[in-house]
Amino acid sequence: MPLENLQKEPFQDIMQEHISNTIGFLFDENQEFGVACDIAHVEFDPSLPQEIRESLPPVTLFMLANYSLESATLDGTSLQFEAGFGSQNFGSLV
């Protein structure tokens, strides 16, 4: 497939629906999974301390297991979950 097709809205809509359905299935099965995120498009609430934020690679793999999986929700186009960061296990909604 030509790379420019990846930028077309109909293709992106199909992929968004597919990803949402896949995540919904994993939730229904209570199945742990990982999600790779471009950190530039991720929000943290509360904000991560500077040293933790700077330690994250530009694309970070989050593993949704245990409490992170239990706290996870999918709302439209947004996946949210709670996670702990650093040696202090700093809690944040991702």
N, C-alpha and C. Protein backbone atom coordinates (compact mmCIF):
# COMPACT_ATOMS: atom_id res chain seq x y z
N MET A 1 0.85 -1.17 0.00
CA MET A 1 0.00 0.00 0.00
C MET A 1 0.90 1.23 0.00
N PRO A 2 0.60 2.19 -0.84
CA PRO A 2 1.37 3.43 -0.84
C PRO A 2 1.25 4.15 0.51
N LEU A 3 2.34 4.70 0.98
CA LEU A 3 2.35 5.35 2.28
C LEU A 3 1.34 6.50 2.39
N GLU A 4 1.07 7.18 1.28
CA GLU A 4 0.11 8.30 1.36
C GLU A 4 -1.29 7.83 1.73
N ASN A 5 -1.60 6.55 1.45
CA ASN A 5 -2.92 6.03 1.84
C ASN A 5 -3.08 5.98 3.35
N LEU A 6 -1.97 5.84 4.07
CA LEU A 6 -2.03 5.81 5.53
C LEU A 6 -2.51 7.14 6.11
N GLN A 7 -2.35 8.21 5.34
CA GLN A 7 -2.73 9.54 5.79
C GLN A 7 -4.20 9.87 5.48
N LYS A 8 -4.84 9.04 4.69
CA LYS A 8 -6.21 9.32 4.27
C LYS A 8 -7.19 9.03 5.41
N GLU A 9 -8.15 9.94 5.57
CA GLU A 9 -9.11 9.84 6.67
C GLU A 9 -9.90 8.52 6.66
N PRO A 10 -10.38 8.02 5.52
CA PRO A 10 -11.12 6.75 5.56
C PRO A 10 -10.29 5.61 6.14
N PHE A 11 -9.02 5.54 5.78
CA PHE A 11 -8.15 4.49 6.32
C PHE A 11 -7.95 4.68 7.81
N GLN A 12 -7.72 5.91 8.24
CA GLN A 12 -7.53 6.19 9.66
C GLN A 12 -8.78 5.86 10.46
N ASP A 13 -9.96 6.12 9.90
CA ASP A 13 -11.21 5.76 10.58
C ASP A 13 -11.34 4.25 10.74
N ILE A 14 -10.99 3.50 9.70
CA ILE A 14 -11.04 2.04 9.77
C ILE A 14 -10.10 1.53 10.85
N MET A 15 -8.88 2.07 10.88
CA MET A 15 -7.90 1.62 11.87
C MET A 15 -8.33 2.00 13.29
N GLN A 16 -8.90 3.18 13.46
CA GLN A 16 -9.38 3.61 14.78
C GLN A 16 -10.45 2.65 15.29
N GLU A 17 -11.38 2.29 14.44
CA GLU A 17 -12.43 1.35 14.83
C GLU A 17 -11.84 -0.02 15.17
N HIS A 18 -10.90 -0.48 14.36
CA HIS A 18 -10.26 -1.77 14.59
C HIS A 18 -9.52 -1.77 15.94
N ILE A 19 -8.77 -0.73 16.21
CA ILE A 19 -8.03 -0.65 17.47
C ILE A 19 -8.98 -0.60 18.66
N SER A 20 -10.04 0.20 18.55
CA SER A 20 -11.03 0.28 19.63
C SER A 20 -11.68 -1.07 19.88
N ASN A 21 -12.04 -1.77 18.81
CA ASN A 21 -12.65 -3.10 18.96
C ASN A 21 -11.67 -4.09 19.58
N THR A 22 -10.42 -4.02 19.19
CA THR A 22 -9.40 -4.92 19.73
C THR A 22 -9.20 -4.66 21.22
N ILE A 23 -9.07 -3.41 21.61
CA ILE A 23 -8.90 -3.08 23.02
C ILE A 23 -10.14 -3.50 23.81
N GLY A 24 -11.33 -3.27 23.26
CA GLY A 24 -12.56 -3.70 23.93
C GLY A 24 -12.58 -5.21 24.15
N PHE A 25 -12.14 -5.97 23.16
CA PHE A 25 -12.06 -7.42 23.29
C PHE A 25 -11.09 -7.80 24.41
N LEU A 26 -9.92 -7.16 24.44
CA LEU A 26 -8.94 -7.47 25.49
C LEU A 26 -9.48 -7.13 26.87
N PHE A 27 -10.22 -6.02 26.99
CA PHE A 27 -10.87 -5.68 28.26
C PHE A 27 -11.86 -6.78 28.65
N ASP A 28 -12.71 -7.19 27.71
CA ASP A 28 -13.72 -8.22 27.99
C ASP A 28 -13.09 -9.52 28.45
N GLU A 29 -11.91 -9.83 27.91
CA GLU A 29 -11.21 -11.07 28.26
C GLU A 29 -10.29 -10.89 29.47
N ASN A 30 -10.26 -9.68 30.02
CA ASN A 30 -9.36 -9.36 31.13
C ASN A 30 -7.93 -9.77 30.79
N GLN A 31 -7.54 -9.48 29.56
CA GLN A 31 -6.23 -9.88 29.04
C GLN A 31 -5.24 -8.74 29.14
N GLU A 32 -4.10 -9.00 29.76
CA GLU A 32 -3.04 -8.00 29.82
C GLU A 32 -2.53 -7.73 28.41
N PHE A 33 -2.12 -6.48 28.15
CA PHE A 33 -1.57 -6.13 26.85
C PHE A 33 -0.71 -4.89 26.96
N GLY A 34 0.06 -4.64 25.92
CA GLY A 34 0.91 -3.46 25.87
C GLY A 34 0.43 -2.51 24.80
N VAL A 35 0.73 -1.23 25.01
CA VAL A 35 0.38 -0.23 24.02
C VAL A 35 1.58 0.72 23.88
N ALA A 36 2.04 0.87 22.64
CA ALA A 36 3.15 1.78 22.35
C ALA A 36 2.58 3.16 22.07
N CYS A 37 3.11 4.16 22.75
CA CYS A 37 2.58 5.52 22.64
C CYS A 37 3.66 6.51 22.27
N ASP A 38 3.33 7.40 21.36
CA ASP A 38 4.17 8.55 21.06
C ASP A 38 3.96 9.54 22.21
N ILE A 39 4.95 9.68 23.05
CA ILE A 39 4.82 10.47 24.27
C ILE A 39 4.40 11.91 23.99
N ALA A 40 4.70 12.41 22.81
CA ALA A 40 4.29 13.78 22.46
C ALA A 40 2.77 13.93 22.45
N HIS A 41 2.04 12.80 22.35
CA HIS A 41 0.58 12.85 22.30
C HIS A 41 -0.07 12.26 23.55
N VAL A 42 0.71 12.12 24.62
CA VAL A 42 0.21 11.53 25.87
C VAL A 42 0.11 12.61 26.92
N GLU A 43 -0.99 12.58 27.67
CA GLU A 43 -1.16 13.50 28.80
C GLU A 43 -1.03 12.71 30.09
N PHE A 44 -0.45 13.33 31.11
CA PHE A 44 -0.30 12.72 32.42
C PHE A 44 -0.98 13.62 33.44
N ASP A 45 -1.82 13.03 34.29
CA ASP A 45 -2.53 13.81 35.31
C ASP A 45 -2.44 13.07 36.64
N PRO A 46 -1.67 13.59 37.58
CA PRO A 46 -0.92 14.84 37.52
C PRO A 46 0.30 14.70 36.61
N SER A 47 0.84 15.84 36.24
CA SER A 47 2.03 15.86 35.39
C SER A 47 3.17 15.11 36.07
N LEU A 48 3.96 14.43 35.25
CA LEU A 48 5.11 13.71 35.78
C LEU A 48 6.20 14.69 36.19
N PRO A 49 6.94 14.35 37.23
CA PRO A 49 8.11 15.18 37.55
C PRO A 49 9.07 15.23 36.35
N GLN A 50 9.76 16.32 36.20
CA GLN A 50 10.64 16.56 35.05
C GLN A 50 11.60 15.41 34.80
N GLU A 51 12.25 14.89 35.85
CA GLU A 51 13.26 13.85 35.65
C GLU A 51 12.63 12.55 35.15
N ILE A 52 11.41 12.26 35.55
CA ILE A 52 10.73 11.06 35.05
C ILE A 52 10.31 11.28 33.61
N ARG A 53 9.71 12.42 33.33
CA ARG A 53 9.26 12.74 31.97
C ARG A 53 10.42 12.66 30.98
N GLU A 54 11.55 13.21 31.34
CA GLU A 54 12.72 13.21 30.46
C GLU A 54 13.32 11.82 30.27
N SER A 55 13.05 10.92 31.20
CA SER A 55 13.61 9.57 31.09
C SER A 55 12.80 8.67 30.15
N LEU A 56 11.58 9.10 29.76
CA LEU A 56 10.75 8.29 28.88
C LEU A 56 11.23 8.42 27.44
N PRO A 57 11.36 7.29 26.74
CA PRO A 57 11.73 7.37 25.32
C PRO A 57 10.59 8.01 24.52
N PRO A 58 10.90 8.56 23.33
CA PRO A 58 9.85 9.20 22.51
C PRO A 58 8.67 8.28 22.23
N VAL A 59 8.92 7.01 22.02
CA VAL A 59 7.85 6.02 21.91
C VAL A 59 8.02 5.07 23.09
N THR A 60 7.04 5.07 23.97
CA THR A 60 7.11 4.30 25.21
C THR A 60 6.09 3.19 25.18
N LEU A 61 6.51 2.01 25.61
CA LEU A 61 5.62 0.86 25.71
C LEU A 61 5.07 0.79 27.13
N PHE A 62 3.75 0.91 27.25
CA PHE A 62 3.08 0.76 28.53
C PHE A 62 2.44 -0.62 28.56
N MET A 63 2.70 -1.36 29.63
CA MET A 63 2.08 -2.66 29.80
C MET A 63 0.89 -2.50 30.72
N LEU A 64 -0.29 -2.85 30.22
CA LEU A 64 -1.49 -2.77 31.03
C LEU A 64 -1.70 -4.12 31.69
N ALA A 65 -1.39 -4.18 32.96
CA ALA A 65 -1.49 -5.38 33.77
C ALA A 65 -1.85 -4.96 35.18
N ASN A 66 -2.41 -5.88 35.93
CA ASN A 66 -2.75 -5.64 37.33
C ASN A 66 -3.57 -4.36 37.45
N TYR A 67 -3.14 -3.41 38.32
CA TYR A 67 -3.96 -2.23 38.56
C TYR A 67 -4.10 -1.35 37.33
N SER A 68 -3.06 -1.27 36.50
CA SER A 68 -3.17 -0.45 35.29
C SER A 68 -4.28 -0.97 34.39
N LEU A 69 -4.40 -2.29 34.27
CA LEU A 69 -5.48 -2.87 33.47
C LEU A 69 -6.83 -2.67 34.14
N GLU A 70 -6.89 -2.87 35.45
CA GLU A 70 -8.15 -2.69 36.18
C GLU A 70 -8.67 -1.27 36.09
N SER A 71 -7.77 -0.29 36.03
CA SER A 71 -8.17 1.11 36.00
C SER A 71 -8.42 1.63 34.58
N ALA A 72 -8.12 0.82 33.57
CA ALA A 72 -8.17 1.27 32.17
C ALA A 72 -9.61 1.46 31.68
N THR A 73 -9.78 2.52 30.89
CA THR A 73 -11.06 2.78 30.23
C THR A 73 -10.78 3.24 28.80
N LEU A 74 -11.74 2.98 27.94
CA LEU A 74 -11.67 3.42 26.56
C LEU A 74 -12.89 4.28 26.31
N ASP A 75 -12.66 5.56 26.01
CA ASP A 75 -13.75 6.52 25.83
C ASP A 75 -13.60 7.17 24.46
N GLY A 76 -14.34 6.68 23.49
CA GLY A 76 -14.22 7.23 22.14
C GLY A 76 -12.85 6.91 21.57
N THR A 77 -12.02 7.93 21.43
CA THR A 77 -10.69 7.73 20.86
C THR A 77 -9.59 7.81 21.92
N SER A 78 -9.95 7.77 23.19
CA SER A 78 -8.98 7.96 24.26
C SER A 78 -8.91 6.74 25.16
N LEU A 79 -7.71 6.19 25.31
CA LEU A 79 -7.44 5.12 26.26
C LEU A 79 -6.82 5.76 27.48
N GLN A 80 -7.36 5.48 28.66
CA GLN A 80 -6.82 6.04 29.90
C GLN A 80 -6.57 4.91 30.88
N PHE A 81 -5.51 5.05 31.67
CA PHE A 81 -5.21 4.08 32.71
C PHE A 81 -4.28 4.74 33.72
N GLU A 82 -4.24 4.18 34.91
CA GLU A 82 -3.35 4.68 35.95
C GLU A 82 -2.08 3.87 35.93
N ALA A 83 -0.96 4.55 36.16
CA ALA A 83 0.33 3.88 36.17
C ALA A 83 1.23 4.56 37.19
N GLY A 84 2.21 3.80 37.66
CA GLY A 84 3.22 4.31 38.58
C GLY A 84 4.55 4.46 37.86
N PHE A 85 5.29 5.52 38.17
CA PHE A 85 6.54 5.84 37.47
C PHE A 85 7.66 6.04 38.46
N GLY A 86 8.85 5.60 38.06
CA GLY A 86 10.05 5.84 38.84
C GLY A 86 10.14 4.99 40.09
N SER A 87 11.23 5.17 40.81
CA SER A 87 11.46 4.37 42.03
C SER A 87 10.46 4.70 43.12
N GLN A 88 9.88 5.88 43.06
CA GLN A 88 8.88 6.29 44.04
C GLN A 88 7.47 5.83 43.67
N ASN A 89 7.34 5.19 42.49
CA ASN A 89 6.05 4.74 41.98
C ASN A 89 5.06 5.91 41.92
N PHE A 90 5.50 7.03 41.34
CA PHE A 90 4.69 8.23 41.21
C PHE A 90 3.46 7.90 40.38
N GLY A 91 2.27 8.06 40.95
CA GLY A 91 1.04 7.72 40.28
C GLY A 91 0.51 8.82 39.37
N SER A 92 0.05 8.43 38.18
CA SER A 92 -0.49 9.39 37.24
C SER A 92 -1.51 8.70 36.34
N LEU A 93 -2.52 9.43 35.95
CA LEU A 93 -3.47 8.96 34.94
C LEU A 93 -2.86 9.25 33.58
N VAL A 94 -2.70 8.21 32.78
CA VAL A 94 -2.07 8.33 31.46
C VAL A 94 -3.16 8.41 30.42
